């Protein structure tokens, strides 16, 4: 590798750095391709080899859960009325 190529690679990496999602997608694709080549079957999906959880599988938190978690933050300020009696 020449110094020019190294410099170009550095410029490229600054603009297009490797993220966890990108790396996971690359290795999952590679693993699926290898399984397809060895087994001769096209049943292996890329998603079967991904190590990262699917984004739609993450449950959404309710407002009550978020307010409760916010109360535990050191120095946190709770905005809005406290709707629970006794507080």
PDB file of N, CA and C in Angstrom:
ATOM      1  N   UNK A   1       0.854  -1.169   0.000  1.00  0.00           N
ATOM      2  CA  UNK A   1       0.000   0.000   0.000  1.00  0.00           C
ATOM      3  C   UNK A   1       0.899   1.231   0.000  1.00  0.00           C
ATOM      4  N   UNK A   2       0.608   2.122  -0.902  1.00  0.00           N
ATOM      5  CA  UNK A   2       1.412   3.340  -0.998  1.00  0.00           C
ATOM      6  C   UNK A   2       0.922   4.372   0.017  1.00  0.00           C
ATOM      7  N   UNK A   3       1.721   5.399   0.216  1.00  0.00           N
ATOM      8  CA  UNK A   3       1.343   6.473   1.135  1.00  0.00           C
ATOM      9  C   UNK A   3       0.091   7.192   0.638  1.00  0.00           C
ATOM     10  N   UNK A   4      -0.041   7.323  -0.669  1.00  0.00           N
ATOM     11  CA  UNK A   4      -1.232   7.961  -1.241  1.00  0.00           C
ATOM     12  C   UNK A   4      -2.480   7.136  -0.946  1.00  0.00           C
ATOM     13  N   UNK A   5      -2.369   5.811  -1.133  1.00  0.00           N
ATOM     14  CA  UNK A   5      -3.508   4.938  -0.850  1.00  0.00           C
ATOM     15  C   UNK A   5      -3.871   4.969   0.630  1.00  0.00           C
ATOM     16  N   UNK A   6      -2.865   5.003   1.494  1.00  0.00           N
ATOM     17  CA  UNK A   6      -3.117   5.086   2.930  1.00  0.00           C
ATOM     18  C   UNK A   6      -3.836   6.385   3.271  1.00  0.00           C
ATOM     19  N   UNK A   7      -3.409   7.482   2.675  1.00  0.00           N
ATOM     20  CA  UNK A   7      -4.074   8.764   2.906  1.00  0.00           C
ATOM     21  C   UNK A   7      -5.509   8.761   2.415  1.00  0.00           C
ATOM     22  N   UNK A   8      -5.739   8.155   1.240  1.00  0.00           N
ATOM     23  CA  UNK A   8      -7.097   8.060   0.711  1.00  0.00           C
ATOM     24  C   UNK A   8      -7.969   7.191   1.612  1.00  0.00           C
ATOM     25  N   UNK A   9      -7.388   6.110   2.131  1.00  0.00           N
ATOM     26  CA  UNK A   9      -8.138   5.254   3.045  1.00  0.00           C
ATOM     27  C   UNK A   9      -8.496   6.017   4.320  1.00  0.00           C
ATOM     28  N   UNK A  10      -7.575   6.801   4.843  1.00  0.00           N
ATOM     29  CA  UNK A  10      -7.855   7.604   6.033  1.00  0.00           C
ATOM     30  C   UNK A  10      -8.977   8.598   5.792  1.00  0.00           C
ATOM     31  N   UNK A  11      -8.959   9.253   4.630  1.00  0.00           N
ATOM     32  CA  UNK A  11     -10.037  10.193   4.285  1.00  0.00           C
ATOM     33  C   UNK A  11     -11.373   9.469   4.186  1.00  0.00           C
ATOM     34  N   UNK A  12     -11.366   8.313   3.540  1.00  0.00           N
ATOM     35  CA  UNK A  12     -12.597   7.539   3.388  1.00  0.00           C
ATOM     36  C   UNK A  12     -13.130   7.091   4.749  1.00  0.00           C
ATOM     37  N   UNK A  13     -12.235   6.610   5.611  1.00  0.00           N
ATOM     38  CA  UNK A  13     -12.658   6.106   6.913  1.00  0.00           C
ATOM     39  C   UNK A  13     -13.231   7.223   7.775  1.00  0.00           C
ATOM     40  N   UNK A  14     -12.701   8.438   7.655  1.00  0.00           N
ATOM     41  CA  UNK A  14     -13.252   9.564   8.419  1.00  0.00           C
ATOM     42  C   UNK A  14     -14.687   9.861   7.999  1.00  0.00           C
ATOM     43  N   UNK A  15     -14.981   9.692   6.715  1.00  0.00           N
ATOM     44  CA  UNK A  15     -16.334   9.963   6.227  1.00  0.00           C
ATOM     45  C   UNK A  15     -17.249   8.750   6.390  1.00  0.00           C
ATOM     46  N   UNK A  16     -16.714   7.547   6.279  1.00  0.00           N
ATOM     47  CA  UNK A  16     -17.510   6.320   6.266  1.00  0.00           C
ATOM     48  C   UNK A  16     -16.942   5.347   7.294  1.00  0.00           C
ATOM     49  N   UNK A  17     -17.036   5.691   8.567  1.00  0.00           N
ATOM     50  CA  UNK A  17     -16.455   4.813   9.582  1.00  0.00           C
ATOM     51  C   UNK A  17     -17.332   3.578   9.772  1.00  0.00           C
ATOM     52  N   UNK A  18     -16.726   2.535  10.283  1.00  0.00           N
ATOM     53  CA  UNK A  18     -17.442   1.283  10.490  1.00  0.00           C
ATOM     54  C   UNK A  18     -18.318   1.399  11.726  1.00  0.00           C
ATOM     55  N   UNK A  19     -19.587   1.147  11.571  1.00  0.00           N
ATOM     56  CA  UNK A  19     -20.493   1.140  12.715  1.00  0.00           C
ATOM     57  C   UNK A  19     -20.819  -0.308  13.066  1.00  0.00           C
ATOM     58  N   UNK A  20     -21.386  -0.513  14.240  1.00  0.00           N
ATOM     59  CA  UNK A  20     -21.750  -1.863  14.659  1.00  0.00           C
ATOM     60  C   UNK A  20     -22.769  -2.484  13.708  1.00  0.00           C
ATOM     61  N   UNK A  21     -23.716  -1.679  13.255  1.00  0.00           N
ATOM     62  CA  UNK A  21     -24.748  -2.191  12.354  1.00  0.00           C
ATOM     63  C   UNK A  21     -24.130  -2.606  11.022  1.00  0.00           C
ATOM     64  N   UNK A  22     -23.226  -1.780  10.512  1.00  0.00           N
ATOM     65  CA  UNK A  22     -22.574  -2.086   9.235  1.00  0.00           C
ATOM     66  C   UNK A  22     -21.743  -3.360   9.341  1.00  0.00           C
ATOM     67  N   UNK A  23     -20.953  -3.456  10.406  1.00  0.00           N
ATOM     68  CA  UNK A  23     -20.113  -4.645  10.595  1.00  0.00           C
ATOM     69  C   UNK A  23     -20.971  -5.897  10.765  1.00  0.00           C
ATOM     70  N   UNK A  24     -22.054  -5.802  11.533  1.00  0.00           N
ATOM     71  CA  UNK A  24     -22.934  -6.942  11.732  1.00  0.00           C
ATOM     72  C   UNK A  24     -23.552  -7.378  10.406  1.00  0.00           C
ATOM     73  N   UNK A  25     -23.971  -6.423   9.597  1.00  0.00           N
ATOM     74  CA  UNK A  25     -24.570  -6.749   8.295  1.00  0.00           C
ATOM     75  C   UNK A  25     -23.555  -7.435   7.380  1.00  0.00           C
ATOM     76  N   UNK A  26     -22.320  -6.958   7.387  1.00  0.00           N
ATOM     77  CA  UNK A  26     -21.292  -7.561   6.539  1.00  0.00           C
ATOM     78  C   UNK A  26     -21.002  -9.007   6.947  1.00  0.00           C
ATOM     79  N   UNK A  27     -20.806  -9.240   8.248  1.00  0.00           N
ATOM     80  CA  UNK A  27     -20.486 -10.597   8.699  1.00  0.00           C
ATOM     81  C   UNK A  27     -21.688 -11.526   8.588  1.00  0.00           C
ATOM     82  N   UNK A  28     -22.895 -11.028   8.821  1.00  0.00           N
ATOM     83  CA  UNK A  28     -24.092 -11.857   8.661  1.00  0.00           C
ATOM     84  C   UNK A  28     -24.260 -12.266   7.201  1.00  0.00           C
ATOM     85  N   UNK A  29     -23.998 -11.342   6.282  1.00  0.00           N
ATOM     86  CA  UNK A  29     -24.079 -11.664   4.849  1.00  0.00           C
ATOM     87  C   UNK A  29     -23.040 -12.716   4.472  1.00  0.00           C
ATOM     88  N   UNK A  30     -21.834 -12.562   4.991  1.00  0.00           N
ATOM     89  CA  UNK A  30     -20.771 -13.524   4.702  1.00  0.00           C
ATOM     90  C   UNK A  30     -21.121 -14.913   5.233  1.00  0.00           C
ATOM     91  N   UNK A  31     -21.614 -14.976   6.465  1.00  0.00           N
ATOM     92  CA  UNK A  31     -21.983 -16.270   7.047  1.00  0.00           C
ATOM     93  C   UNK A  31     -23.116 -16.925   6.267  1.00  0.00           C
ATOM     94  N   UNK A  32     -24.119 -16.138   5.884  1.00  0.00           N
ATOM     95  CA  UNK A  32     -25.238 -16.692   5.111  1.00  0.00           C
ATOM     96  C   UNK A  32     -24.750 -17.212   3.761  1.00  0.00           C
ATOM     97  N   UNK A  33     -23.849 -16.486   3.124  1.00  0.00           N
ATOM     98  CA  UNK A  33     -23.302 -16.911   1.834  1.00  0.00           C
ATOM     99  C   UNK A  33     -22.534 -18.224   1.968  1.00  0.00           C
ATOM    100  N   UNK A  34     -21.738 -18.349   3.014  1.00  0.00           N
ATOM    101  CA  UNK A  34     -20.967 -19.579   3.230  1.00  0.00           C
ATOM    102  C   UNK A  34     -21.906 -20.760   3.458  1.00  0.00           C
ATOM    103  N   UNK A  35     -22.939 -20.566   4.268  1.00  0.00           N
ATOM    104  CA  UNK A  35     -23.891 -21.653   4.524  1.00  0.00           C
ATOM    105  C   UNK A  35     -24.595 -22.053   3.238  1.00  0.00           C
ATOM    106  N   UNK A  36     -24.967 -21.073   2.426  1.00  0.00           N
ATOM    107  CA  UNK A  36     -25.631 -21.379   1.150  1.00  0.00           C
ATOM    108  C   UNK A  36     -24.705 -22.149   0.214  1.00  0.00           C
ATOM    109  N   UNK A  37     -23.422 -21.765   0.193  1.00  0.00           N
ATOM    110  CA  UNK A  37     -22.465 -22.444  -0.685  1.00  0.00           C
ATOM    111  C   UNK A  37     -22.218 -23.873  -0.228  1.00  0.00           C
ATOM    112  N   UNK A  38     -22.058 -24.071   1.071  1.00  0.00           N
ATOM    113  CA  UNK A  38     -21.736 -25.396   1.595  1.00  0.00           C
ATOM    114  C   UNK A  38     -22.946 -26.326   1.535  1.00  0.00           C
ATOM    115  N   UNK A  39     -24.112 -25.810   1.887  1.00  0.00           N
ATOM    116  CA  UNK A  39     -25.300 -26.672   1.954  1.00  0.00           C
ATOM    117  C   UNK A  39     -26.012 -26.813   0.615  1.00  0.00           C
ATOM    118  N   UNK A  40     -25.794 -25.870  -0.297  1.00  0.00           N
ATOM    119  CA  UNK A  40     -26.477 -25.922  -1.581  1.00  0.00           C
ATOM    120  C   UNK A  40     -27.930 -25.503  -1.505  1.00  0.00           C
ATOM    121  N   UNK A  41     -28.324 -24.966  -0.373  1.00  0.00           N
ATOM    122  CA  UNK A  41     -29.712 -24.552  -0.161  1.00  0.00           C
ATOM    123  C   UNK A  41     -29.775 -23.034  -0.036  1.00  0.00           C
ATOM    124  N   UNK A  42     -30.917 -22.471  -0.357  1.00  0.00           N
ATOM    125  CA  UNK A  42     -31.064 -21.014  -0.232  1.00  0.00           C
ATOM    126  C   UNK A  42     -31.946 -20.651   0.957  1.00  0.00           C
ATOM    127  N   UNK A  43     -32.038 -21.547   1.937  1.00  0.00           N
ATOM    128  CA  UNK A  43     -32.880 -21.311   3.108  1.00  0.00           C
ATOM    129  C   UNK A  43     -32.248 -20.368   4.127  1.00  0.00           C
ATOM    130  N   UNK A  44     -30.952 -20.191   4.095  1.00  0.00           N
ATOM    131  CA  UNK A  44     -30.264 -19.362   5.088  1.00  0.00           C
ATOM    132  C   UNK A  44     -30.470 -17.885   4.768  1.00  0.00           C
ATOM    133  N   UNK A  45     -31.143 -17.190   5.668  1.00  0.00           N
ATOM    134  CA  UNK A  45     -31.375 -15.754   5.500  1.00  0.00           C
ATOM    135  C   UNK A  45     -30.312 -14.979   6.266  1.00  0.00           C
ATOM    136  N   UNK A  46     -29.987 -13.811   5.789  1.00  0.00           N
ATOM    137  CA  UNK A  46     -28.978 -12.969   6.442  1.00  0.00           C
ATOM    138  C   UNK A  46     -29.409 -12.635   7.866  1.00  0.00           C
ATOM    139  N   UNK A  47     -30.697 -12.395   8.072  1.00  0.00           N
ATOM    140  CA  UNK A  47     -31.198 -12.042   9.407  1.00  0.00           C
ATOM    141  C   UNK A  47     -30.974 -13.164  10.416  1.00  0.00           C
ATOM    142  N   UNK A  48     -30.870 -14.399   9.956  1.00  0.00           N
ATOM    143  CA  UNK A  48     -30.626 -15.528  10.854  1.00  0.00           C
ATOM    144  C   UNK A  48     -29.243 -15.466  11.493  1.00  0.00           C
ATOM    145  N   UNK A  49     -28.322 -14.743  10.902  1.00  0.00           N
ATOM    146  CA  UNK A  49     -26.945 -14.685  11.390  1.00  0.00           C
ATOM    147  C   UNK A  49     -26.596 -13.354  12.046  1.00  0.00           C
ATOM    148  N   UNK A  50     -27.534 -12.455  12.135  1.00  0.00           N
ATOM    149  CA  UNK A  50     -27.280 -11.148  12.734  1.00  0.00           C
ATOM    150  C   UNK A  50     -27.185 -11.276  14.246  1.00  0.00           C
ATOM    151  N   UNK A  51     -26.214 -10.596  14.835  1.00  0.00           N
ATOM    152  CA  UNK A  51     -26.045 -10.614  16.284  1.00  0.00           C
ATOM    153  C   UNK A  51     -26.819  -9.493  16.967  1.00  0.00           C
ATOM    154  N   UNK A  52     -27.171  -8.467  16.221  1.00  0.00           N
ATOM    155  CA  UNK A  52     -27.887  -7.333  16.796  1.00  0.00           C
ATOM    156  C   UNK A  52     -29.387  -7.606  16.796  1.00  0.00           C
ATOM    157  N   UNK A  53     -30.083  -7.150  17.831  1.00  0.00           N
ATOM    158  CA  UNK A  53     -31.535  -7.364  17.863  1.00  0.00           C
ATOM    159  C   UNK A  53     -32.233  -6.524  16.803  1.00  0.00           C
ATOM    160  N   UNK A  54     -33.382  -7.007  16.354  1.00  0.00           N
ATOM    161  CA  UNK A  54     -34.160  -6.241  15.393  1.00  0.00           C
ATOM    162  C   UNK A  54     -34.713  -4.999  16.077  1.00  0.00           C
ATOM    163  N   UNK A  55     -34.743  -3.896  15.358  1.00  0.00           N
ATOM    164  CA  UNK A  55     -35.209  -2.650  15.956  1.00  0.00           C
ATOM    165  C   UNK A  55     -36.688  -2.697  16.288  1.00  0.00           C
ATOM    166  N   UNK A  56     -37.473  -3.439  15.518  1.00  0.00           N
ATOM    167  CA  UNK A  56     -38.895  -3.499  15.815  1.00  0.00           C
ATOM    168  C   UNK A  56     -39.190  -4.428  16.989  1.00  0.00           C
ATOM    169  N   UNK A  57     -38.203  -5.152  17.483  1.00  0.00           N
ATOM    170  CA  UNK A  57     -38.390  -6.036  18.622  1.00  0.00           C
ATOM    171  C   UNK A  57     -38.200  -5.346  19.959  1.00  0.00           C
ATOM    172  N   UNK A  58     -37.785  -4.098  19.953  1.00  0.00           N
ATOM    173  CA  UNK A  58     -37.565  -3.357  21.186  1.00  0.00           C
ATOM    174  C   UNK A  58     -38.893  -2.757  21.635  1.00  0.00           C
ATOM    175  N   UNK A  59     -39.370  -3.127  22.826  1.00  0.00           N
ATOM    176  CA  UNK A  59     -40.661  -2.591  23.271  1.00  0.00           C
ATOM    177  C   UNK A  59     -40.569  -1.096  23.589  1.00  0.00           C
ATOM    178  N   UNK A  60     -41.638  -0.389  23.288  1.00  0.00           N
ATOM    179  CA  UNK A  60     -41.673   1.045  23.568  1.00  0.00           C
ATOM    180  C   UNK A  60     -42.122   1.255  25.009  1.00  0.00           C
ATOM    181  N   UNK A  61     -41.472   2.163  25.693  1.00  0.00           N
ATOM    182  CA  UNK A  61     -41.799   2.418  27.096  1.00  0.00           C
ATOM    183  C   UNK A  61     -42.977   3.373  27.203  1.00  0.00           C
ATOM    184  N   UNK A  62     -43.756   3.166  28.258  1.00  0.00           N
ATOM    185  CA  UNK A  62     -44.901   4.037  28.495  1.00  0.00           C
ATOM    186  C   UNK A  62     -44.433   5.328  29.154  1.00  0.00           C
ATOM    187  N   UNK A  63     -45.309   6.333  29.155  1.00  0.00           N
ATOM    188  CA  UNK A  63     -44.976   7.607  29.807  1.00  0.00           C
ATOM    189  C   UNK A  63     -44.701   7.409  31.288  1.00  0.00           C
ATOM    190  N   UNK A  64     -45.456   6.525  31.930  1.00  0.00           N
ATOM    191  CA  UNK A  64     -45.269   6.277  33.357  1.00  0.00           C
ATOM    192  C   UNK A  64     -43.878   5.697  33.629  1.00  0.00           C
ATOM    193  N   UNK A  65     -43.447   4.746  32.801  1.00  0.00           N
ATOM    194  CA  UNK A  65     -42.110   4.162  32.970  1.00  0.00           C
ATOM    195  C   UNK A  65     -41.022   5.215  32.775  1.00  0.00           C
ATOM    196  N   UNK A  66     -41.177   6.048  31.761  1.00  0.00           N
ATOM    197  CA  UNK A  66     -40.176   7.080  31.496  1.00  0.00           C
ATOM    198  C   UNK A  66     -40.099   8.095  32.630  1.00  0.00           C
ATOM    199  N   UNK A  67     -41.247   8.484  33.180  1.00  0.00           N
ATOM    200  CA  UNK A  67     -41.250   9.430  34.302  1.00  0.00           C
ATOM    201  C   UNK A  67     -40.593   8.804  35.523  1.00  0.00           C
ATOM    202  N   UNK A  68     -40.865   7.518  35.770  1.00  0.00           N
ATOM    203  CA  UNK A  68     -40.266   6.828  36.907  1.00  0.00           C
ATOM    204  C   UNK A  68     -38.750   6.741  36.747  1.00  0.00           C
ATOM    205  N   UNK A  69     -38.291   6.422  35.555  1.00  0.00           N
ATOM    206  CA  UNK A  69     -36.852   6.356  35.307  1.00  0.00           C
ATOM    207  C   UNK A  69     -36.208   7.730  35.433  1.00  0.00           C
ATOM    208  N   UNK A  70     -36.909   8.774  34.993  1.00  0.00           N
ATOM    209  CA  UNK A  70     -36.383  10.133  35.087  1.00  0.00           C
ATOM    210  C   UNK A  70     -36.226  10.601  36.518  1.00  0.00           C
ATOM    211  N   UNK A  71     -37.068  10.092  37.421  1.00  0.00           N
ATOM    212  CA  UNK A  71     -36.961  10.471  38.831  1.00  0.00           C
ATOM    213  C   UNK A  71     -35.664   9.963  39.446  1.00  0.00           C
ATOM    214  N   UNK A  72     -35.138   8.879  38.924  1.00  0.00           N
ATOM    215  CA  UNK A  72     -33.929   8.292  39.481  1.00  0.00           C
ATOM    216  C   UNK A  72     -32.647   8.958  39.019  1.00  0.00           C
ATOM    217  N   UNK A  73     -32.725   9.860  38.048  1.00  0.00           N
ATOM    218  CA  UNK A  73     -31.535  10.541  37.559  1.00  0.00           C
ATOM    219  C   UNK A  73     -31.081  11.554  38.603  1.00  0.00           C
ATOM    220  N   UNK A  74     -29.828  11.480  38.977  1.00  0.00           N
ATOM    221  CA  UNK A  74     -29.289  12.393  39.981  1.00  0.00           C
ATOM    222  C   UNK A  74     -29.374  13.829  39.488  1.00  0.00           C
ATOM    223  N   UNK A  75     -30.034  14.670  40.261  1.00  0.00           N
ATOM    224  CA  UNK A  75     -30.172  16.073  39.884  1.00  0.00           C
ATOM    225  C   UNK A  75     -31.272  16.310  38.878  1.00  0.00           C
ATOM    226  N   UNK A  76     -32.033  15.272  38.559  1.00  0.00           N
ATOM    227  CA  UNK A  76     -33.109  15.399  37.582  1.00  0.00           C
ATOM    228  C   UNK A  76     -34.266  16.210  38.127  1.00  0.00           C
ATOM    229  N   UNK A  77     -34.938  16.920  37.264  1.00  0.00           N
ATOM    230  CA  UNK A  77     -36.088  17.728  37.642  1.00  0.00           C
ATOM    231  C   UNK A  77     -37.301  17.150  36.936  1.00  0.00           C
ATOM    232  N   UNK A  78     -38.362  16.932  37.692  1.00  0.00           N
ATOM    233  CA  UNK A  78     -39.586  16.397  37.105  1.00  0.00           C
ATOM    234  C   UNK A  78     -40.487  17.557  36.717  1.00  0.00           C
ATOM    235  N   UNK A  79     -40.841  17.599  35.456  1.00  0.00           N
ATOM    236  CA  UNK A  79     -41.716  18.645  34.948  1.00  0.00           C
ATOM    237  C   UNK A  79     -43.126  18.098  34.819  1.00  0.00           C
ATOM    238  N   UNK A  80     -44.102  18.906  35.133  1.00  0.00           N
ATOM    239  CA  UNK A  80     -45.497  18.502  35.011  1.00  0.00           C
ATOM    240  C   UNK A  80     -46.044  18.078  36.355  1.00  0.00           C
ATOM    241  N   UNK A  81     -47.361  17.982  36.436  1.00  0.00           N
ATOM    242  CA  UNK A  81     -47.982  17.626  37.716  1.00  0.00           C
ATOM    243  C   UNK A  81     -47.745  16.165  38.065  1.00  0.00           C
ATOM    244  N   UNK A  82     -47.657  15.903  39.352  1.00  0.00           N
ATOM    245  CA  UNK A  82     -47.534  14.533  39.834  1.00  0.00           C
ATOM    246  C   UNK A  82     -48.945  13.994  40.005  1.00  0.00           C
ATOM    247  N   UNK A  83     -49.332  13.063  39.170  1.00  0.00           N
ATOM    248  CA  UNK A  83     -50.712  12.586  39.168  1.00  0.00           C
ATOM    249  C   UNK A  83     -50.966  11.491  40.196  1.00  0.00           C
ATOM    250  N   UNK A  84     -49.927  11.026  40.869  1.00  0.00           N
ATOM    251  CA  UNK A  84     -50.117   9.976  41.859  1.00  0.00           C
ATOM    252  C   UNK A  84     -50.366  10.604  43.225  1.00  0.00           C
ATOM    253  N   UNK A  85     -51.417  10.179  43.921  1.00  0.00           N
ATOM    254  CA  UNK A  85     -51.695  10.742  45.247  1.00  0.00           C
ATOM    255  C   UNK A  85     -50.616  10.345  46.248  1.00  0.00           C
ATOM    256  N   UNK A  86     -50.355  11.237  47.180  1.00  0.00           N
ATOM    257  CA  UNK A  86     -49.380  10.953  48.226  1.00  0.00           C
ATOM    258  C   UNK A  86     -47.968  11.381  47.898  1.00  0.00           C
ATOM    259  N   UNK A  87     -47.761  12.001  46.755  1.00  0.00           N
ATOM    260  CA  UNK A  87     -46.407  12.434  46.376  1.00  0.00           C
ATOM    261  C   UNK A  87     -46.311  13.915  46.462  1.00  0.00           C
TER     262      UNK A  87
END
